């Protein structure tokens, strides 16, 4: 079974220098006969340079090991890069586009594409990662100093009575903090009450930090092809 695919008088020019045992160079012959091809009428149903597809497991019985057809396929050649044919193994065809300045398909014979792709950082969509944030609570304690008291100096004034310097009234309330001309000043060492063995807890503020997100993924390539069915491309030369 053969399927008509594309009418074209051109095939890949880069393969024009290839020549196998058949002694035929498809592209070179088409170039040589382009004038007669454009001016003469068809003697066969197929214009030279036409590419079609064959979808049959018997194809290998219809072509020689050099890639040229026999029997009903005489004049046809497998498009595998030999005999000046375009190498269409593992490729699909796309129509030429000469009207778009940004087209990748402006030149016949141009090849490109890949079956598997691994995205780079620049090819990934712009995106962000959000960290919900977290905090750390720090609890500190002072060291234990044991049961202890603190001494301090208490300064006070008391009233002086009489003319003798040997008699001074020291009140039980430790005197006053101010004095007039007949008061006497005193300084006494006092001790605070003991608070017993104890320690103080200190709770610190929460700390803010920069969180990092662990990388994921396996750096593997992904499938870059639509569903496919394998056929054989052949090109018609007529000889």
C-alpha atoms as a PDB file:
ATOM      1  CA  UNK A   1       0.000   0.000   0.000  1.00  0.00           C
ATOM      2  CA  UNK A   2       1.349   3.423  -0.899  1.00  0.00           C
ATOM      3  CA  UNK A   3       0.043   6.805   0.217  1.00  0.00           C
ATOM      4  CA  UNK A   4       0.459   9.996  -1.756  1.00  0.00           C
ATOM      5  CA  UNK A   5       2.131  12.541   0.487  1.00  0.00           C
ATOM      6  CA  UNK A   6       3.662  15.478  -1.320  1.00  0.00           C
ATOM      7  CA  UNK A   7       4.266  16.858  -4.788  1.00  0.00           C
ATOM      8  CA  UNK A   8       7.743  18.319  -5.018  1.00  0.00           C
ATOM      9  CA  UNK A   9      10.303  18.785  -7.760  1.00  0.00           C
ATOM     10  CA  UNK A  10      13.004  19.325  -5.163  1.00  0.00           C
ATOM     11  CA  UNK A  11      14.802  17.065  -2.696  1.00  0.00           C
ATOM     12  CA  UNK A  12      17.632  17.711  -0.272  1.00  0.00           C
ATOM     13  CA  UNK A  13      20.508  19.371  -2.071  1.00  0.00           C
ATOM     14  CA  UNK A  14      23.101  18.422   0.519  1.00  0.00           C
ATOM     15  CA  UNK A  15      22.748  14.810  -0.561  1.00  0.00           C
ATOM     16  CA  UNK A  16      23.291  15.553  -4.259  1.00  0.00           C
ATOM     17  CA  UNK A  17      26.880  14.351  -4.225  1.00  0.00           C
ATOM     18  CA  UNK A  18      26.003  10.916  -2.857  1.00  0.00           C
ATOM     19  CA  UNK A  19      26.078   8.080  -5.347  1.00  0.00           C
ATOM     20  CA  UNK A  20      25.779   4.349  -4.786  1.00  0.00           C
ATOM     21  CA  UNK A  21      26.099   1.215  -6.892  1.00  0.00           C
ATOM     22  CA  UNK A  22      23.064   2.115  -9.020  1.00  0.00           C
ATOM     23  CA  UNK A  23      24.998   4.938 -10.677  1.00  0.00           C
ATOM     24  CA  UNK A  24      21.965   7.212 -10.246  1.00  0.00           C
ATOM     25  CA  UNK A  25      21.921  10.555  -8.481  1.00  0.00           C
ATOM     26  CA  UNK A  26      18.311  11.584  -8.060  1.00  0.00           C
ATOM     27  CA  UNK A  27      18.840  15.262  -7.271  1.00  0.00           C
ATOM     28  CA  UNK A  28      21.500  15.709  -9.942  1.00  0.00           C
ATOM     29  CA  UNK A  29      19.273  14.148 -12.583  1.00  0.00           C
ATOM     30  CA  UNK A  30      16.291  16.280 -11.591  1.00  0.00           C
ATOM     31  CA  UNK A  31      18.455  19.383 -11.800  1.00  0.00           C
ATOM     32  CA  UNK A  32      19.737  18.385 -15.220  1.00  0.00           C
ATOM     33  CA  UNK A  33      16.255  17.703 -16.553  1.00  0.00           C
ATOM     34  CA  UNK A  34      14.424  20.544 -14.840  1.00  0.00           C
ATOM     35  CA  UNK A  35      13.778  22.337 -18.131  1.00  0.00           C
ATOM     36  CA  UNK A  36      12.176  19.330 -19.790  1.00  0.00           C
ATOM     37  CA  UNK A  37      10.259  18.517 -16.624  1.00  0.00           C
ATOM     38  CA  UNK A  38       8.653  21.949 -16.594  1.00  0.00           C
ATOM     39  CA  UNK A  39       7.837  21.974 -20.320  1.00  0.00           C
ATOM     40  CA  UNK A  40       6.827  18.409 -21.172  1.00  0.00           C
ATOM     41  CA  UNK A  41       3.718  16.398 -20.416  1.00  0.00           C
ATOM     42  CA  UNK A  42       3.726  13.377 -18.173  1.00  0.00           C
ATOM     43  CA  UNK A  43       4.297  10.014 -19.767  1.00  0.00           C
ATOM     44  CA  UNK A  44       3.538   8.407 -16.398  1.00  0.00           C
ATOM     45  CA  UNK A  45       1.054   9.260 -13.641  1.00  0.00           C
ATOM     46  CA  UNK A  46       3.897  10.468 -11.429  1.00  0.00           C
ATOM     47  CA  UNK A  47       5.951  13.648 -11.818  1.00  0.00           C
ATOM     48  CA  UNK A  48       9.646  13.164 -11.220  1.00  0.00           C
ATOM     49  CA  UNK A  49      10.707  14.214  -7.754  1.00  0.00           C
ATOM     50  CA  UNK A  50       7.415  13.257  -6.147  1.00  0.00           C
ATOM     51  CA  UNK A  51       7.755  11.708  -2.681  1.00  0.00           C
ATOM     52  CA  UNK A  52       5.247   9.170  -1.368  1.00  0.00           C
ATOM     53  CA  UNK A  53       5.022   6.836   1.596  1.00  0.00           C
ATOM     54  CA  UNK A  54       4.838   3.050   1.632  1.00  0.00           C
ATOM     55  CA  UNK A  55       3.222   1.322   4.592  1.00  0.00           C
ATOM     56  CA  UNK A  56       3.923  -2.356   3.977  1.00  0.00           C
ATOM     57  CA  UNK A  57       6.099  -4.999   5.591  1.00  0.00           C
ATOM     58  CA  UNK A  58       6.876  -6.292   2.076  1.00  0.00           C
ATOM     59  CA  UNK A  59       8.753  -3.171   1.021  1.00  0.00           C
ATOM     60  CA  UNK A  60      12.151  -4.831   1.320  1.00  0.00           C
ATOM     61  CA  UNK A  61      11.070  -7.288  -1.396  1.00  0.00           C
ATOM     62  CA  UNK A  62      10.349  -4.473  -3.828  1.00  0.00           C
ATOM     63  CA  UNK A  63      13.654  -2.628  -3.569  1.00  0.00           C
ATOM     64  CA  UNK A  64      17.227  -3.756  -4.060  1.00  0.00           C
ATOM     65  CA  UNK A  65      19.828  -3.556  -1.338  1.00  0.00           C
ATOM     66  CA  UNK A  66      21.045  -0.356  -3.025  1.00  0.00           C
ATOM     67  CA  UNK A  67      17.631   1.267  -2.486  1.00  0.00           C
ATOM     68  CA  UNK A  68      16.257   1.351  -6.051  1.00  0.00           C
ATOM     69  CA  UNK A  69      12.859  -0.163  -6.882  1.00  0.00           C
ATOM     70  CA  UNK A  70      12.138  -3.217  -9.030  1.00  0.00           C
ATOM     71  CA  UNK A  71       9.008  -4.400 -10.819  1.00  0.00           C
ATOM     72  CA  UNK A  72       6.158  -1.968 -10.308  1.00  0.00           C
ATOM     73  CA  UNK A  73       8.507   0.210  -8.264  1.00  0.00           C
ATOM     74  CA  UNK A  74      11.010   0.655 -11.051  1.00  0.00           C
ATOM     75  CA  UNK A  75      11.965   4.331 -11.139  1.00  0.00           C
ATOM     76  CA  UNK A  76      11.403   4.757  -7.396  1.00  0.00           C
ATOM     77  CA  UNK A  77      14.167   5.127  -4.800  1.00  0.00           C
ATOM     78  CA  UNK A  78      14.112   4.837  -1.030  1.00  0.00           C
ATOM     79  CA  UNK A  79      14.750   8.197   0.645  1.00  0.00           C
ATOM     80  CA  UNK A  80      17.617   7.109   2.875  1.00  0.00           C
ATOM     81  CA  UNK A  81      20.392   9.499   1.777  1.00  0.00           C
ATOM     82  CA  UNK A  82      21.766   7.171  -0.885  1.00  0.00           C
ATOM     83  CA  UNK A  83      21.567   7.760  -4.639  1.00  0.00           C
ATOM     84  CA  UNK A  84      21.260  11.497  -3.999  1.00  0.00           C
ATOM     85  CA  UNK A  85      17.931  11.065  -2.221  1.00  0.00           C
ATOM     86  CA  UNK A  86      16.981  13.072   0.850  1.00  0.00           C
ATOM     87  CA  UNK A  87      17.639  11.168   4.054  1.00  0.00           C
ATOM     88  CA  UNK A  88      14.192  10.962   5.602  1.00  0.00           C
ATOM     89  CA  UNK A  89      14.925   8.147   8.012  1.00  0.00           C
ATOM     90  CA  UNK A  90      13.325   8.940  11.367  1.00  0.00           C
ATOM     91  CA  UNK A  91      11.952  12.283  10.106  1.00  0.00           C
ATOM     92  CA  UNK A  92       8.614  13.816   9.224  1.00  0.00           C
ATOM     93  CA  UNK A  93       8.013  16.288   6.400  1.00  0.00           C
ATOM     94  CA  UNK A  94       6.898  19.896   6.770  1.00  0.00           C
ATOM     95  CA  UNK A  95       5.789  22.314   4.080  1.00  0.00           C
ATOM     96  CA  UNK A  96       8.115  25.094   2.951  1.00  0.00           C
ATOM     97  CA  UNK A  97       7.181  28.605   4.114  1.00  0.00           C
ATOM     98  CA  UNK A  98       8.776  31.466   2.158  1.00  0.00           C
ATOM     99  CA  UNK A  99       6.305  34.142   3.266  1.00  0.00           C
ATOM    100  CA  UNK A 100       7.254  34.378   6.921  1.00  0.00           C
ATOM    101  CA  UNK A 101      10.522  36.092   7.826  1.00  0.00           C
ATOM    102  CA  UNK A 102      10.675  34.117  11.073  1.00  0.00           C
ATOM    103  CA  UNK A 103       9.924  30.736   9.561  1.00  0.00           C
ATOM    104  CA  UNK A 104      12.243  27.813  10.242  1.00  0.00           C
ATOM    105  CA  UNK A 105      10.957  26.188   7.073  1.00  0.00           C
ATOM    106  CA  UNK A 106      11.989  28.661   4.389  1.00  0.00           C
ATOM    107  CA  UNK A 107      14.552  26.429   2.642  1.00  0.00           C
ATOM    108  CA  UNK A 108      13.932  23.048   1.069  1.00  0.00           C
ATOM    109  CA  UNK A 109      16.273  20.477   2.550  1.00  0.00           C
ATOM    110  CA  UNK A 110      16.693  22.209   5.896  1.00  0.00           C
ATOM    111  CA  UNK A 111      16.686  19.800   8.806  1.00  0.00           C
ATOM    112  CA  UNK A 112      16.163  20.300  12.526  1.00  0.00           C
ATOM    113  CA  UNK A 113      14.374  19.135  15.619  1.00  0.00           C
ATOM    114  CA  UNK A 114      15.143  16.458  18.166  1.00  0.00           C
ATOM    115  CA  UNK A 115      13.243  13.476  19.495  1.00  0.00           C
ATOM    116  CA  UNK A 116      14.019  14.114  23.162  1.00  0.00           C
ATOM    117  CA  UNK A 117      14.490  17.413  24.996  1.00  0.00           C
ATOM    118  CA  UNK A 118      15.862  18.408  28.387  1.00  0.00           C
ATOM    119  CA  UNK A 119      14.638  21.857  29.409  1.00  0.00           C
ATOM    120  CA  UNK A 120      17.152  24.485  30.380  1.00  0.00           C
ATOM    121  CA  UNK A 121      16.507  27.081  33.089  1.00  0.00           C
ATOM    122  CA  UNK A 122      15.762  29.755  30.460  1.00  0.00           C
ATOM    123  CA  UNK A 123      13.123  27.522  28.842  1.00  0.00           C
ATOM    124  CA  UNK A 124      11.146  27.027  32.035  1.00  0.00           C
ATOM    125  CA  UNK A 125       8.109  29.257  32.670  1.00  0.00           C
ATOM    126  CA  UNK A 126       8.687  32.139  35.044  1.00  0.00           C
ATOM    127  CA  UNK A 127       7.627  31.051  38.522  1.00  0.00           C
ATOM    128  CA  UNK A 128       8.248  31.605  42.217  1.00  0.00           C
ATOM    129  CA  UNK A 129       8.561  29.432  45.291  1.00  0.00           C
ATOM    130  CA  UNK A 130       6.891  30.577  48.510  1.00  0.00           C
ATOM    131  CA  UNK A 131       8.102  29.630  51.956  1.00  0.00           C
ATOM    132  CA  UNK A 132       5.426  29.910  54.640  1.00  0.00           C
ATOM    133  CA  UNK A 133       8.061  30.938  57.151  1.00  0.00           C
ATOM    134  CA  UNK A 134       8.876  29.586  60.563  1.00  0.00           C
ATOM    135  CA  UNK A 135      10.335  30.729  63.888  1.00  0.00           C
ATOM    136  CA  UNK A 136      12.624  29.432  66.602  1.00  0.00           C
ATOM    137  CA  UNK A 137      11.928  30.028  70.311  1.00  0.00           C
ATOM    138  CA  UNK A 138      15.061  30.388  72.421  1.00  0.00           C
ATOM    139  CA  UNK A 139      14.813  29.686  76.168  1.00  0.00           C
ATOM    140  CA  UNK A 140      17.789  30.663  78.338  1.00  0.00           C
ATOM    141  CA  UNK A 141      18.513  30.288  82.056  1.00  0.00           C
ATOM    142  CA  UNK A 142      21.021  32.058  84.252  1.00  0.00           C
ATOM    143  CA  UNK A 143      23.473  30.087  86.342  1.00  0.00           C
ATOM    144  CA  UNK A 144      22.625  29.154  89.945  1.00  0.00           C
ATOM    145  CA  UNK A 145      24.518  31.298  92.485  1.00  0.00           C
ATOM    146  CA  UNK A 146      23.186  29.547  95.603  1.00  0.00           C
ATOM    147  CA  UNK A 147      21.470  31.113  98.575  1.00  0.00           C
ATOM    148  CA  UNK A 148      23.058  34.484  99.290  1.00  0.00           C
ATOM    149  CA  UNK A 149      22.477  38.077 100.424  1.00  0.00           C
ATOM    150  CA  UNK A 150      23.898  41.454  99.390  1.00  0.00           C
ATOM    151  CA  UNK A 151      25.495  44.074 101.668  1.00  0.00           C
ATOM    152  CA  UNK A 152      24.910  47.792 101.252  1.00  0.00           C
ATOM    153  CA  UNK A 153      25.854  51.035 103.085  1.00  0.00           C
ATOM    154  CA  UNK A 154      23.082  52.977 104.825  1.00  0.00           C
ATOM    155  CA  UNK A 155      23.784  56.683 105.499  1.00  0.00           C
ATOM    156  CA  UNK A 156      21.551  58.568 107.916  1.00  0.00           C
ATOM    157  CA  UNK A 157      21.528  61.531 110.326  1.00  0.00           C
ATOM    158  CA  UNK A 158      20.625  61.718 114.035  1.00  0.00           C
ATOM    159  CA  UNK A 159      19.932  64.603 116.394  1.00  0.00           C
ATOM    160  CA  UNK A 160      22.734  65.902 118.644  1.00  0.00           C
ATOM    161  CA  UNK A 161      21.655  66.896 122.176  1.00  0.00           C
ATOM    162  CA  UNK A 162      23.514  69.162 124.579  1.00  0.00           C
ATOM    163  CA  UNK A 163      26.971  70.576 124.383  1.00  0.00           C
ATOM    164  CA  UNK A 164      28.799  67.284 124.851  1.00  0.00           C
ATOM    165  CA  UNK A 165      30.042  65.468 121.802  1.00  0.00           C
ATOM    166  CA  UNK A 166      29.850  62.204 123.772  1.00  0.00           C
ATOM    167  CA  UNK A 167      26.054  61.879 123.565  1.00  0.00           C
ATOM    168  CA  UNK A 168      24.283  61.279 120.256  1.00  0.00           C
ATOM    169  CA  UNK A 169      20.671  60.153 119.851  1.00  0.00           C
ATOM    170  CA  UNK A 170      20.391  57.294 117.336  1.00  0.00           C
ATOM    171  CA  UNK A 171      16.724  56.695 116.566  1.00  0.00           C
ATOM    172  CA  UNK A 172      15.386  53.244 115.778  1.00  0.00           C
ATOM    173  CA  UNK A 173      14.236  54.416 112.394  1.00  0.00           C
ATOM    174  CA  UNK A 174      17.839  54.971 111.322  1.00  0.00           C
ATOM    175  CA  UNK A 175      17.437  58.708 111.240  1.00  0.00           C
ATOM    176  CA  UNK A 176      16.592  61.029 108.427  1.00  0.00           C
ATOM    177  CA  UNK A 177      18.110  61.550 104.993  1.00  0.00           C
ATOM    178  CA  UNK A 178      18.548  65.267 105.578  1.00  0.00           C
ATOM    179  CA  UNK A 179      20.190  67.267 108.325  1.00  0.00           C
ATOM    180  CA  UNK A 180      20.157  70.629 110.043  1.00  0.00           C
ATOM    181  CA  UNK A 181      23.081  72.335 111.762  1.00  0.00           C
ATOM    182  CA  UNK A 182      23.055  70.211 114.936  1.00  0.00           C
ATOM    183  CA  UNK A 183      22.670  66.709 113.395  1.00  0.00           C
ATOM    184  CA  UNK A 184      25.370  64.059 113.236  1.00  0.00           C
ATOM    185  CA  UNK A 185      25.850  61.830 110.174  1.00  0.00           C
ATOM    186  CA  UNK A 186      26.308  58.045 110.386  1.00  0.00           C
ATOM    187  CA  UNK A 187      27.112  55.276 107.871  1.00  0.00           C
ATOM    188  CA  UNK A 188      26.266  51.665 108.690  1.00  0.00           C
ATOM    189  CA  UNK A 189      26.745  48.425 106.696  1.00  0.00           C
ATOM    190  CA  UNK A 190      23.472  46.589 106.173  1.00  0.00           C
ATOM    191  CA  UNK A 191      22.627  43.211 104.575  1.00  0.00           C
ATOM    192  CA  UNK A 192      19.609  42.343 102.397  1.00  0.00           C
ATOM    193  CA  UNK A 193      17.412  39.397 103.166  1.00  0.00           C
ATOM    194  CA  UNK A 194      18.396  36.156 101.447  1.00  0.00           C
ATOM    195  CA  UNK A 195      16.171  35.095  98.546  1.00  0.00           C
ATOM    196  CA  UNK A 196      17.238  31.464  98.795  1.00  0.00           C
ATOM    197  CA  UNK A 197      18.726  29.256  96.089  1.00  0.00           C
ATOM    198  CA  UNK A 198      17.159  30.352  92.796  1.00  0.00           C
ATOM    199  CA  UNK A 199      17.733  31.170  89.140  1.00  0.00           C
ATOM    200  CA  UNK A 200      16.143  33.416  86.504  1.00  0.00           C
ATOM    201  CA  UNK A 201      14.688  32.264  83.170  1.00  0.00           C
ATOM    202  CA  UNK A 202      15.139  34.430  80.075  1.00  0.00           C
ATOM    203  CA  UNK A 203      12.910  33.942  77.049  1.00  0.00           C
ATOM    204  CA  UNK A 204      14.412  35.418  73.914  1.00  0.00           C
ATOM    205  CA  UNK A 205      12.757  36.833  70.824  1.00  0.00           C
ATOM    206  CA  UNK A 206      12.032  34.641  67.818  1.00  0.00           C
ATOM    207  CA  UNK A 207      14.646  34.603  65.087  1.00  0.00           C
ATOM    208  CA  UNK A 208      13.904  35.163  61.412  1.00  0.00           C
ATOM    209  CA  UNK A 209      16.032  33.347  58.863  1.00  0.00           C
ATOM    210  CA  UNK A 210      16.272  32.711  55.121  1.00  0.00           C
ATOM    211  CA  UNK A 211      14.844  29.343  54.114  1.00  0.00           C
ATOM    212  CA  UNK A 212      16.136  27.352  51.173  1.00  0.00           C
ATOM    213  CA  UNK A 213      14.041  24.905  49.157  1.00  0.00           C
ATOM    214  CA  UNK A 214      15.677  21.618  48.274  1.00  0.00           C
ATOM    215  CA  UNK A 215      16.043  20.860  44.574  1.00  0.00           C
ATOM    216  CA  UNK A 216      13.835  18.199  43.028  1.00  0.00           C
ATOM    217  CA  UNK A 217      13.740  16.472  39.671  1.00  0.00           C
ATOM    218  CA  UNK A 218      16.044  14.050  37.901  1.00  0.00           C
ATOM    219  CA  UNK A 219      17.422  16.145  34.988  1.00  0.00           C
ATOM    220  CA  UNK A 220      15.937  13.652  32.545  1.00  0.00           C
ATOM    221  CA  UNK A 221      14.840  14.464  28.998  1.00  0.00           C
ATOM    222  CA  UNK A 222      11.185  14.179  28.021  1.00  0.00           C
ATOM    223  CA  UNK A 223       9.382  12.832  24.979  1.00  0.00           C
ATOM    224  CA  UNK A 224       9.111  15.477  22.272  1.00  0.00           C
ATOM    225  CA  UNK A 225       7.183  13.619  19.559  1.00  0.00           C
ATOM    226  CA  UNK A 226       3.514  13.231  18.681  1.00  0.00           C
ATOM    227  CA  UNK A 227       2.129   9.703  18.260  1.00  0.00           C
ATOM    228  CA  UNK A 228       3.809   8.193  15.215  1.00  0.00           C
ATOM    229  CA  UNK A 229       3.560   5.386  12.680  1.00  0.00           C
ATOM    230  CA  UNK A 230       6.631   4.251  10.766  1.00  0.00           C
ATOM    231  CA  UNK A 231       6.499   4.258   6.947  1.00  0.00           C
ATOM    232  CA  UNK A 232       9.072   4.298   4.156  1.00  0.00           C
ATOM    233  CA  UNK A 233       9.525   7.409   2.024  1.00  0.00           C
ATOM    234  CA  UNK A 234      10.320   6.875  -1.641  1.00  0.00           C
ATOM    235  CA  UNK A 235      10.979   9.385  -4.423  1.00  0.00           C
ATOM    236  CA  UNK A 236      10.111   8.941  -8.108  1.00  0.00           C
ATOM    237  CA  UNK A 237      12.668   9.513 -10.853  1.00  0.00           C
ATOM    238  CA  UNK A 238      11.205   7.439 -13.668  1.00  0.00           C
ATOM    239  CA  UNK A 239      14.395   5.545 -14.613  1.00  0.00           C
END
